[in-house]
All heavy atoms as atom14 arrays in JSON, in Angstrom:
{
  "sequence": "HTREGHLNAGRKHVEQMEDGTEVKLGGWLDNTRRRVTKLTPER",
  "atom14_mask": [
    [1, 1, 1, 1, 1, 1, 1, 1, 1, 1, 0, 0, 0, 0],
    [1, 1, 1, 1, 1, 1, 1, 0, 0, 0, 0, 0, 0, 0],
    [1, 1, 1, 1, 1, 1, 1, 1, 1, 1, 1, 0, 0, 0],
    [1, 1, 1, 1, 1, 1, 1, 1, 1, 0, 0, 0, 0, 0],
    [1, 1, 1, 1, 0, 0, 0, 0, 0, 0, 0, 0, 0, 0],
    [1, 1, 1, 1, 1, 1, 1, 1, 1, 1, 0, 0, 0, 0],
    [1, 1, 1, 1, 1, 1, 1, 1, 0, 0, 0, 0, 0, 0],
    [1, 1, 1, 1, 1, 1, 1, 1, 0, 0, 0, 0, 0, 0],
    [1, 1, 1, 1, 1, 0, 0, 0, 0, 0, 0, 0, 0, 0],
    [1, 1, 1, 1, 0, 0, 0, 0, 0, 0, 0, 0, 0, 0],
    [1, 1, 1, 1, 1, 1, 1, 1, 1, 1, 1, 0, 0, 0],
    [1, 1, 1, 1, 1, 1, 1, 1, 1, 0, 0, 0, 0, 0],
    [1, 1, 1, 1, 1, 1, 1, 1, 1, 1, 0, 0, 0, 0],
    [1, 1, 1, 1, 1, 1, 1, 0, 0, 0, 0, 0, 0, 0],
    [1, 1, 1, 1, 1, 1, 1, 1, 1, 0, 0, 0, 0, 0],
    [1, 1, 1, 1, 1, 1, 1, 1, 1, 0, 0, 0, 0, 0],
    [1, 1, 1, 1, 1, 1, 1, 1, 0, 0, 0, 0, 0, 0],
    [1, 1, 1, 1, 1, 1, 1, 1, 1, 0, 0, 0, 0, 0],
    [1, 1, 1, 1, 1, 1, 1, 1, 0, 0, 0, 0, 0, 0],
    [1, 1, 1, 1, 0, 0, 0, 0, 0, 0, 0, 0, 0, 0],
    [1, 1, 1, 1, 1, 1, 1, 0, 0, 0, 0, 0, 0, 0],
    [1, 1, 1, 1, 1, 1, 1, 1, 1, 0, 0, 0, 0, 0],
    [1, 1, 1, 1, 1, 1, 1, 0, 0, 0, 0, 0, 0, 0],
    [1, 1, 1, 1, 1, 1, 1, 1, 1, 0, 0, 0, 0, 0],
    [1, 1, 1, 1, 1, 1, 1, 1, 0, 0, 0, 0, 0, 0],
    [1, 1, 1, 1, 0, 0, 0, 0, 0, 0, 0, 0, 0, 0],
    [1, 1, 1, 1, 0, 0, 0, 0, 0, 0, 0, 0, 0, 0],
    [1, 1, 1, 1, 1, 1, 1, 1, 1, 1, 1, 1, 1, 1],
    [1, 1, 1, 1, 1, 1, 1, 1, 0, 0, 0, 0, 0, 0],
    [1, 1, 1, 1, 1, 1, 1, 1, 0, 0, 0, 0, 0, 0],
    [1, 1, 1, 1, 1, 1, 1, 1, 0, 0, 0, 0, 0, 0],
    [1, 1, 1, 1, 1, 1, 1, 0, 0, 0, 0, 0, 0, 0],
    [1, 1, 1, 1, 1, 1, 1, 1, 1, 1, 1, 0, 0, 0],
    [1, 1, 1, 1, 1, 1, 1, 1, 1, 1, 1, 0, 0, 0],
    [1, 1, 1, 1, 1, 1, 1, 1, 1, 1, 1, 0, 0, 0],
    [1, 1, 1, 1, 1, 1, 1, 0, 0, 0, 0, 0, 0, 0],
    [1, 1, 1, 1, 1, 1, 1, 0, 0, 0, 0, 0, 0, 0],
    [1, 1, 1, 1, 1, 1, 1, 1, 1, 0, 0, 0, 0, 0],
    [1, 1, 1, 1, 1, 1, 1, 1, 0, 0, 0, 0, 0, 0],
    [1, 1, 1, 1, 1, 1, 1, 0, 0, 0, 0, 0, 0, 0],
    [1, 1, 1, 1, 1, 1, 1, 0, 0, 0, 0, 0, 0, 0],
    [1, 1, 1, 1, 1, 1, 1, 1, 1, 0, 0, 0, 0, 0],
    [1, 1, 1, 1, 1, 1, 1, 1, 1, 1, 1, 0, 0, 0]
  ],
  "atom14_positions": [
    [[236.71, 175.11, 160.76], [237.92, 176.02, 160.34], [237.36, 176.93, 159.11], [237.66, 178.16, 159.17], [239.03, 175.21, 159.7], [240.18, 176.07, 159.38], [240.35, 176.4, 158.05], [241.18, 176.58, 160.14], [241.5, 177.25, 157.98], [241.99, 177.4, 159.21], [0.0, 0.0, 0.0], [0.0, 0.0, 0.0], [0.0, 0.0, 0.0], [0.0, 0.0, 0.0]],
    [[236.46, 176.48, 158.24], [235.96, 177.16, 157.26], [235.1, 178.33, 157.84], [235.21, 179.49, 157.33], [235.1, 176.28, 156.23], [236.1, 175.39, 155.72], [234.51, 177.25, 155.15], [0.0, 0.0, 0.0], [0.0, 0.0, 0.0], [0.0, 0.0, 0.0], [0.0, 0.0, 0.0], [0.0, 0.0, 0.0], [0.0, 0.0, 0.0], [0.0, 0.0, 0.0]],
    [[234.29, 178.0, 158.79], [233.36, 178.88, 159.45], [234.2, 179.91, 160.27], [233.8, 181.23, 160.37], [232.27, 178.3, 160.2], [231.22, 179.12, 160.74], [230.14, 178.34, 161.55], [230.67, 177.89, 162.75], [230.67, 176.4, 162.94], [230.49, 175.7, 162.03], [231.25, 176.07, 164.09], [0.0, 0.0, 0.0], [0.0, 0.0, 0.0], [0.0, 0.0, 0.0]],
    [[234.95, 179.51, 161.0], [235.61, 180.24, 162.21], [236.98, 180.83, 161.93], [237.46, 181.85, 162.37], [235.7, 179.51, 163.52], [234.3, 179.0, 164.06], [233.48, 180.07, 164.55], [234.03, 181.27, 165.01], [232.29, 180.01, 164.52], [0.0, 0.0, 0.0], [0.0, 0.0, 0.0], [0.0, 0.0, 0.0], [0.0, 0.0, 0.0], [0.0, 0.0, 0.0]],
    [[237.69, 180.12, 160.91], [239.06, 180.54, 160.61], [240.25, 180.11, 161.47], [241.22, 180.49, 161.3], [0.0, 0.0, 0.0], [0.0, 0.0, 0.0], [0.0, 0.0, 0.0], [0.0, 0.0, 0.0], [0.0, 0.0, 0.0], [0.0, 0.0, 0.0], [0.0, 0.0, 0.0], [0.0, 0.0, 0.0], [0.0, 0.0, 0.0], [0.0, 0.0, 0.0]],
    [[239.94, 179.21, 162.35], [240.84, 178.64, 163.32], [240.38, 177.45, 163.89], [239.26, 176.89, 163.56], [241.12, 179.63, 164.48], [239.92, 179.91, 165.35], [239.33, 179.1, 166.15], [238.91, 181.03, 165.22], [238.21, 179.58, 166.79], [238.03, 180.83, 166.13], [0.0, 0.0, 0.0], [0.0, 0.0, 0.0], [0.0, 0.0, 0.0], [0.0, 0.0, 0.0]],
    [[241.13, 176.67, 164.64], [240.73, 175.42, 165.27], [240.85, 175.53, 166.74], [241.11, 174.46, 167.4], [241.63, 174.16, 164.76], [241.39, 173.68, 163.36], [242.23, 172.6, 163.11], [239.91, 173.3, 163.15], [0.0, 0.0, 0.0], [0.0, 0.0, 0.0], [0.0, 0.0, 0.0], [0.0, 0.0, 0.0], [0.0, 0.0, 0.0], [0.0, 0.0, 0.0]],
    [[240.57, 176.61, 167.34], [240.61, 176.89, 168.9], [239.18, 176.58, 169.5], [238.71, 177.53, 170.16], [241.24, 178.21, 169.15], [242.56, 178.35, 168.6], [243.32, 177.36, 168.46], [243.01, 179.65, 168.3], [0.0, 0.0, 0.0], [0.0, 0.0, 0.0], [0.0, 0.0, 0.0], [0.0, 0.0, 0.0], [0.0, 0.0, 0.0], [0.0, 0.0, 0.0]],
    [[238.56, 175.48, 169.29], [237.33, 175.12, 169.73], [237.36, 174.71, 171.32], [238.48, 174.23, 171.64], [236.77, 174.0, 168.98], [0.0, 0.0, 0.0], [0.0, 0.0, 0.0], [0.0, 0.0, 0.0], [0.0, 0.0, 0.0], [0.0, 0.0, 0.0], [0.0, 0.0, 0.0], [0.0, 0.0, 0.0], [0.0, 0.0, 0.0], [0.0, 0.0, 0.0]],
    [[236.53, 175.21, 172.05], [236.53, 174.68, 173.44], [236.43, 173.28, 173.59], [235.87, 172.54, 172.72], [0.0, 0.0, 0.0], [0.0, 0.0, 0.0], [0.0, 0.0, 0.0], [0.0, 0.0, 0.0], [0.0, 0.0, 0.0], [0.0, 0.0, 0.0], [0.0, 0.0, 0.0], [0.0, 0.0, 0.0], [0.0, 0.0, 0.0], [0.0, 0.0, 0.0]],
    [[236.88, 172.71, 174.77], [236.86, 171.36, 175.0], [235.5, 170.63, 174.85], [235.37, 169.67, 174.34], [237.39, 171.03, 176.37], [237.38, 169.64, 176.73], [238.69, 168.89, 176.73], [238.6, 167.59, 177.23], [238.99, 166.54, 176.59], [239.57, 166.68, 175.34], [239.05, 165.36, 177.08], [0.0, 0.0, 0.0], [0.0, 0.0, 0.0], [0.0, 0.0, 0.0]],
    [[234.45, 171.29, 175.21], [233.13, 170.94, 175.18], [232.34, 171.23, 173.82], [231.14, 170.86, 173.72], [232.31, 171.59, 176.37], [232.8, 171.17, 177.66], [232.16, 170.01, 178.3], [232.78, 169.8, 179.76], [232.21, 168.63, 180.28], [0.0, 0.0, 0.0], [0.0, 0.0, 0.0], [0.0, 0.0, 0.0], [0.0, 0.0, 0.0], [0.0, 0.0, 0.0]],
    [[232.98, 171.79, 172.95], [232.31, 172.25, 171.62], [231.89, 170.98, 170.87], [232.66, 170.03, 170.76], [233.39, 173.03, 170.76], [232.69, 173.31, 169.42], [231.68, 174.28, 169.26], [232.96, 172.8, 168.18], [231.37, 174.38, 168.11], [232.07, 173.58, 167.38], [0.0, 0.0, 0.0], [0.0, 0.0, 0.0], [0.0, 0.0, 0.0], [0.0, 0.0, 0.0]],
    [[230.61, 170.96, 170.4], [230.0, 170.02, 169.56], [229.7, 170.6, 168.24], [229.0, 171.59, 168.16], [228.78, 169.44, 170.33], [228.04, 168.43, 169.35], [229.08, 168.81, 171.59], [0.0, 0.0, 0.0], [0.0, 0.0, 0.0], [0.0, 0.0, 0.0], [0.0, 0.0, 0.0], [0.0, 0.0, 0.0], [0.0, 0.0, 0.0], [0.0, 0.0, 0.0]],
    [[230.19, 170.08, 167.16], [230.04, 170.62, 165.83], [228.81, 169.93, 165.17], [228.68, 168.69, 165.14], [231.26, 170.35, 164.93], [231.18, 170.99, 163.57], [231.36, 172.55, 163.57], [231.65, 173.05, 164.58], [231.05, 173.16, 162.53], [0.0, 0.0, 0.0], [0.0, 0.0, 0.0], [0.0, 0.0, 0.0], [0.0, 0.0, 0.0], [0.0, 0.0, 0.0]],
    [[227.8, 170.76, 164.76], [226.59, 170.29, 164.12], [227.01, 170.13, 162.68], [227.26, 171.11, 161.95], [225.6, 171.25, 164.34], [224.27, 170.86, 163.72], [223.57, 169.81, 164.65], [223.75, 169.75, 165.85], [222.82, 168.92, 164.03], [0.0, 0.0, 0.0], [0.0, 0.0, 0.0], [0.0, 0.0, 0.0], [0.0, 0.0, 0.0], [0.0, 0.0, 0.0]],
    [[226.99, 168.97, 162.12], [227.29, 168.64, 160.76], [226.12, 168.96, 159.81], [225.12, 169.11, 160.3], [227.76, 167.24, 160.57], [228.97, 166.82, 161.42], [230.43, 167.93, 161.02], [230.67, 167.42, 159.38], [0.0, 0.0, 0.0], [0.0, 0.0, 0.0], [0.0, 0.0, 0.0], [0.0, 0.0, 0.0], [0.0, 0.0, 0.0], [0.0, 0.0, 0.0]],
    [[226.37, 168.98, 158.58], [225.36, 169.43, 157.57], [224.26, 168.34, 157.43], [223.15, 168.55, 157.14], [226.02, 169.78, 156.25], [226.83, 170.85, 156.05], [227.62, 171.02, 154.8], [227.48, 170.23, 153.95], [228.36, 172.07, 154.73], [0.0, 0.0, 0.0], [0.0, 0.0, 0.0], [0.0, 0.0, 0.0], [0.0, 0.0, 0.0], [0.0, 0.0, 0.0]],
    [[224.64, 167.09, 157.68], [223.67, 166.04, 157.68], [222.91, 165.81, 159.02], [222.11, 164.88, 159.12], [224.39, 164.68, 157.3], [225.43, 164.17, 158.3], [225.64, 164.92, 159.27], [226.07, 163.11, 158.14], [0.0, 0.0, 0.0], [0.0, 0.0, 0.0], [0.0, 0.0, 0.0], [0.0, 0.0, 0.0], [0.0, 0.0, 0.0], [0.0, 0.0, 0.0]],
    [[223.16, 166.74, 159.86], [222.45, 166.63, 161.18], [223.19, 165.99, 162.38], [222.66, 166.05, 163.47], [0.0, 0.0, 0.0], [0.0, 0.0, 0.0], [0.0, 0.0, 0.0], [0.0, 0.0, 0.0], [0.0, 0.0, 0.0], [0.0, 0.0, 0.0], [0.0, 0.0, 0.0], [0.0, 0.0, 0.0], [0.0, 0.0, 0.0], [0.0, 0.0, 0.0]],
    [[224.13, 165.3, 162.07], [224.84, 164.55, 163.14], [225.75, 165.51, 163.97], [226.11, 166.62, 163.51], [225.8, 163.51, 162.58], [226.87, 164.05, 161.74], [225.04, 162.35, 161.79], [0.0, 0.0, 0.0], [0.0, 0.0, 0.0], [0.0, 0.0, 0.0], [0.0, 0.0, 0.0], [0.0, 0.0, 0.0], [0.0, 0.0, 0.0], [0.0, 0.0, 0.0]],
    [[225.99, 165.09, 165.15], [226.88, 165.93, 166.08], [228.14, 165.36, 166.3], [228.3, 164.13, 166.55], [226.05, 166.19, 167.41], [224.78, 167.08, 167.15], [224.15, 167.29, 168.53], [224.44, 166.59, 169.58], [223.4, 168.26, 168.61], [0.0, 0.0, 0.0], [0.0, 0.0, 0.0], [0.0, 0.0, 0.0], [0.0, 0.0, 0.0], [0.0, 0.0, 0.0]],
    [[229.37, 166.06, 166.19], [230.59, 165.58, 166.4], [231.25, 166.36, 167.61], [231.15, 167.44, 167.61], [231.4, 165.73, 165.11], [232.86, 165.25, 165.39], [230.8, 164.93, 163.95], [0.0, 0.0, 0.0], [0.0, 0.0, 0.0], [0.0, 0.0, 0.0], [0.0, 0.0, 0.0], [0.0, 0.0, 0.0], [0.0, 0.0, 0.0], [0.0, 0.0, 0.0]],
    [[231.66, 165.6, 168.55], [232.37, 166.27, 169.76], [233.71, 166.63, 169.27], [234.79, 166.05, 169.62], [232.42, 165.26, 170.81], [231.14, 164.94, 171.35], [231.11, 163.87, 172.48], [229.81, 163.59, 172.97], [229.75, 162.57, 174.1], [0.0, 0.0, 0.0], [0.0, 0.0, 0.0], [0.0, 0.0, 0.0], [0.0, 0.0, 0.0], [0.0, 0.0, 0.0]],
    [[233.81, 167.75, 168.62], [235.08, 168.28, 168.11], [236.12, 168.78, 168.89], [237.21, 168.57, 168.9], [234.77, 169.45, 167.03], [236.01, 169.92, 166.25], [236.64, 168.78, 165.43], [235.46, 171.06, 165.25], [0.0, 0.0, 0.0], [0.0, 0.0, 0.0], [0.0, 0.0, 0.0], [0.0, 0.0, 0.0], [0.0, 0.0, 0.0], [0.0, 0.0, 0.0]],
    [[235.66, 169.5, 169.97], [236.63, 170.06, 170.96], [237.52, 169.14, 171.62], [238.57, 169.2, 171.8], [0.0, 0.0, 0.0], [0.0, 0.0, 0.0], [0.0, 0.0, 0.0], [0.0, 0.0, 0.0], [0.0, 0.0, 0.0], [0.0, 0.0, 0.0], [0.0, 0.0, 0.0], [0.0, 0.0, 0.0], [0.0, 0.0, 0.0], [0.0, 0.0, 0.0]],
    [[236.75, 168.07, 172.23], [237.57, 166.97, 172.82], [238.53, 166.28, 171.91], [239.53, 165.99, 172.39], [0.0, 0.0, 0.0], [0.0, 0.0, 0.0], [0.0, 0.0, 0.0], [0.0, 0.0, 0.0], [0.0, 0.0, 0.0], [0.0, 0.0, 0.0], [0.0, 0.0, 0.0], [0.0, 0.0, 0.0], [0.0, 0.0, 0.0], [0.0, 0.0, 0.0]],
    [[238.08, 166.05, 170.65], [238.85, 165.46, 169.78], [240.08, 166.24, 169.43], [241.22, 165.81, 169.41], [238.07, 165.13, 168.35], [238.85, 164.34, 167.33], [239.16, 163.1, 167.4], [239.54, 165.04, 166.28], [239.94, 162.83, 166.24], [240.07, 164.05, 165.55], [239.42, 166.29, 165.7], [240.7, 164.23, 164.43], [240.1, 166.53, 164.45], [240.8, 165.54, 163.8]],
    [[239.94, 167.49, 169.28], [241.05, 168.45, 168.98], [242.01, 168.45, 170.19], [243.24, 168.31, 170.01], [240.62, 169.79, 168.73], [239.94, 170.02, 167.31], [239.25, 171.46, 167.23], [240.87, 169.85, 166.25], [0.0, 0.0, 0.0], [0.0, 0.0, 0.0], [0.0, 0.0, 0.0], [0.0, 0.0, 0.0], [0.0, 0.0, 0.0], [0.0, 0.0, 0.0]],
    [[241.53, 168.54, 171.39], [242.34, 168.4, 172.52], [243.03, 167.11, 172.68], [244.29, 167.17, 172.94], [241.45, 168.65, 173.75], [242.26, 168.93, 175.01], [243.15, 169.7, 174.95], [241.97, 168.4, 176.08], [0.0, 0.0, 0.0], [0.0, 0.0, 0.0], [0.0, 0.0, 0.0], [0.0, 0.0, 0.0], [0.0, 0.0, 0.0], [0.0, 0.0, 0.0]],
    [[242.46, 166.06, 172.48], [243.08, 164.79, 172.58], [244.14, 164.62, 171.45], [245.25, 164.03, 171.73], [242.07, 163.62, 172.55], [241.26, 163.49, 173.8], [241.63, 163.98, 174.76], [240.12, 162.91, 173.62], [0.0, 0.0, 0.0], [0.0, 0.0, 0.0], [0.0, 0.0, 0.0], [0.0, 0.0, 0.0], [0.0, 0.0, 0.0], [0.0, 0.0, 0.0]],
    [[243.86, 165.13, 170.18], [244.78, 165.02, 169.12], [246.07, 165.82, 169.51], [247.15, 165.43, 169.21], [244.11, 165.59, 167.88], [243.0, 164.76, 167.61], [245.07, 165.45, 166.69], [0.0, 0.0, 0.0], [0.0, 0.0, 0.0], [0.0, 0.0, 0.0], [0.0, 0.0, 0.0], [0.0, 0.0, 0.0], [0.0, 0.0, 0.0], [0.0, 0.0, 0.0]],
    [[245.97, 167.0, 170.12], [246.95, 167.82, 170.5], [247.93, 167.15, 171.46], [249.17, 167.15, 171.49], [246.6, 169.14, 171.09], [246.1, 170.13, 169.97], [245.81, 171.44, 170.51], [245.22, 172.31, 169.47], [243.92, 172.62, 169.42], [243.08, 172.2, 170.41], [243.59, 173.32, 168.42], [0.0, 0.0, 0.0], [0.0, 0.0, 0.0], [0.0, 0.0, 0.0]],
    [[247.27, 166.34, 172.41], [248.08, 165.66, 173.54], [248.71, 164.47, 172.94], [249.8, 164.06, 173.45], [246.98, 165.2, 174.48], [246.55, 166.28, 175.32], [245.49, 165.75, 176.27], [244.54, 166.79, 176.83], [244.49, 167.11, 178.03], [245.35, 166.57, 178.9], [243.82, 168.17, 178.53], [0.0, 0.0, 0.0], [0.0, 0.0, 0.0], [0.0, 0.0, 0.0]],
    [[248.29, 163.93, 171.83], [248.9, 162.74, 171.2], [249.51, 162.91, 169.84], [249.61, 162.02, 169.13], [247.77, 161.6, 171.1], [247.13, 161.28, 172.33], [246.05, 160.21, 172.17], [245.5, 159.77, 173.37], [244.13, 160.03, 173.72], [243.36, 160.43, 172.88], [243.77, 159.73, 174.92], [0.0, 0.0, 0.0], [0.0, 0.0, 0.0], [0.0, 0.0, 0.0]],
    [[250.01, 164.21, 169.71], [250.62, 164.56, 168.37], [251.86, 163.66, 168.07], [252.08, 163.35, 166.79], [251.01, 165.99, 168.42], [252.17, 166.35, 169.5], [251.44, 166.49, 167.05], [0.0, 0.0, 0.0], [0.0, 0.0, 0.0], [0.0, 0.0, 0.0], [0.0, 0.0, 0.0], [0.0, 0.0, 0.0], [0.0, 0.0, 0.0], [0.0, 0.0, 0.0]],
    [[252.61, 163.19, 169.01], [253.83, 162.35, 168.58], [253.24, 161.0, 168.17], [254.15, 160.27, 167.5], [254.68, 162.18, 169.89], [253.86, 161.56, 170.97], [255.18, 163.47, 170.39], [0.0, 0.0, 0.0], [0.0, 0.0, 0.0], [0.0, 0.0, 0.0], [0.0, 0.0, 0.0], [0.0, 0.0, 0.0], [0.0, 0.0, 0.0], [0.0, 0.0, 0.0]],
    [[252.11, 160.56, 168.42], [251.6, 159.29, 167.92], [250.83, 159.36, 166.63], [250.56, 158.31, 166.09], [250.73, 158.67, 168.87], [251.36, 158.42, 170.32], [250.49, 157.86, 171.32], [251.27, 157.67, 172.65], [250.42, 157.04, 173.73], [0.0, 0.0, 0.0], [0.0, 0.0, 0.0], [0.0, 0.0, 0.0], [0.0, 0.0, 0.0], [0.0, 0.0, 0.0]],
    [[250.82, 160.48, 165.98], [249.99, 160.64, 164.71], [251.0, 160.35, 163.59], [252.14, 160.54, 163.64], [249.48, 162.01, 164.59], [248.36, 162.62, 165.47], [248.15, 163.96, 165.08], [247.18, 161.73, 165.16], [0.0, 0.0, 0.0], [0.0, 0.0, 0.0], [0.0, 0.0, 0.0], [0.0, 0.0, 0.0], [0.0, 0.0, 0.0], [0.0, 0.0, 0.0]],
    [[250.31, 159.73, 162.45], [251.14, 159.46, 161.27], [251.4, 160.74, 160.7], [250.65, 161.78, 160.88], [250.3, 158.62, 160.38], [249.2, 159.25, 159.92], [249.98, 157.28, 161.08], [0.0, 0.0, 0.0], [0.0, 0.0, 0.0], [0.0, 0.0, 0.0], [0.0, 0.0, 0.0], [0.0, 0.0, 0.0], [0.0, 0.0, 0.0], [0.0, 0.0, 0.0]],
    [[252.46, 160.83, 159.89], [252.79, 162.05, 159.15], [251.64, 162.64, 158.38], [251.4, 163.71, 158.11], [254.08, 161.78, 158.34], [254.62, 160.6, 159.07], [253.48, 159.78, 159.74], [0.0, 0.0, 0.0], [0.0, 0.0, 0.0], [0.0, 0.0, 0.0], [0.0, 0.0, 0.0], [0.0, 0.0, 0.0], [0.0, 0.0, 0.0], [0.0, 0.0, 0.0]],
    [[250.92, 161.63, 157.7], [249.77, 161.99, 156.95], [248.64, 162.74, 157.67], [248.12, 163.69, 157.2], [249.17, 160.77, 156.13], [250.06, 160.08, 155.18], [251.13, 159.09, 155.84], [250.91, 158.62, 157.04], [252.13, 158.87, 155.28], [0.0, 0.0, 0.0], [0.0, 0.0, 0.0], [0.0, 0.0, 0.0], [0.0, 0.0, 0.0], [0.0, 0.0, 0.0]],
    [[248.39, 162.15, 158.78], [247.31, 162.73, 159.6], [247.8, 164.18, 160.09], [246.93, 165.11, 160.21], [246.87, 161.83, 160.72], [246.08, 160.69, 160.13], [245.47, 159.85, 161.31], [244.72, 158.87, 160.72], [243.99, 157.87, 161.42], [244.23, 157.86, 162.74], [243.31, 156.98, 160.82], [0.0, 0.0, 0.0], [0.0, 0.0, 0.0], [0.0, 0.0, 0.0]]
  ]
}
């Protein structure tokens, strides 16, 4: 979000973290949107 200004990453997007690890962000965002009703209010 800091780099792009939005959270509209493609489903296959992999975010390269500063420590070198890779996070499958696109799939996580898609799954989070699908399960929004199950999220805690804090999350």
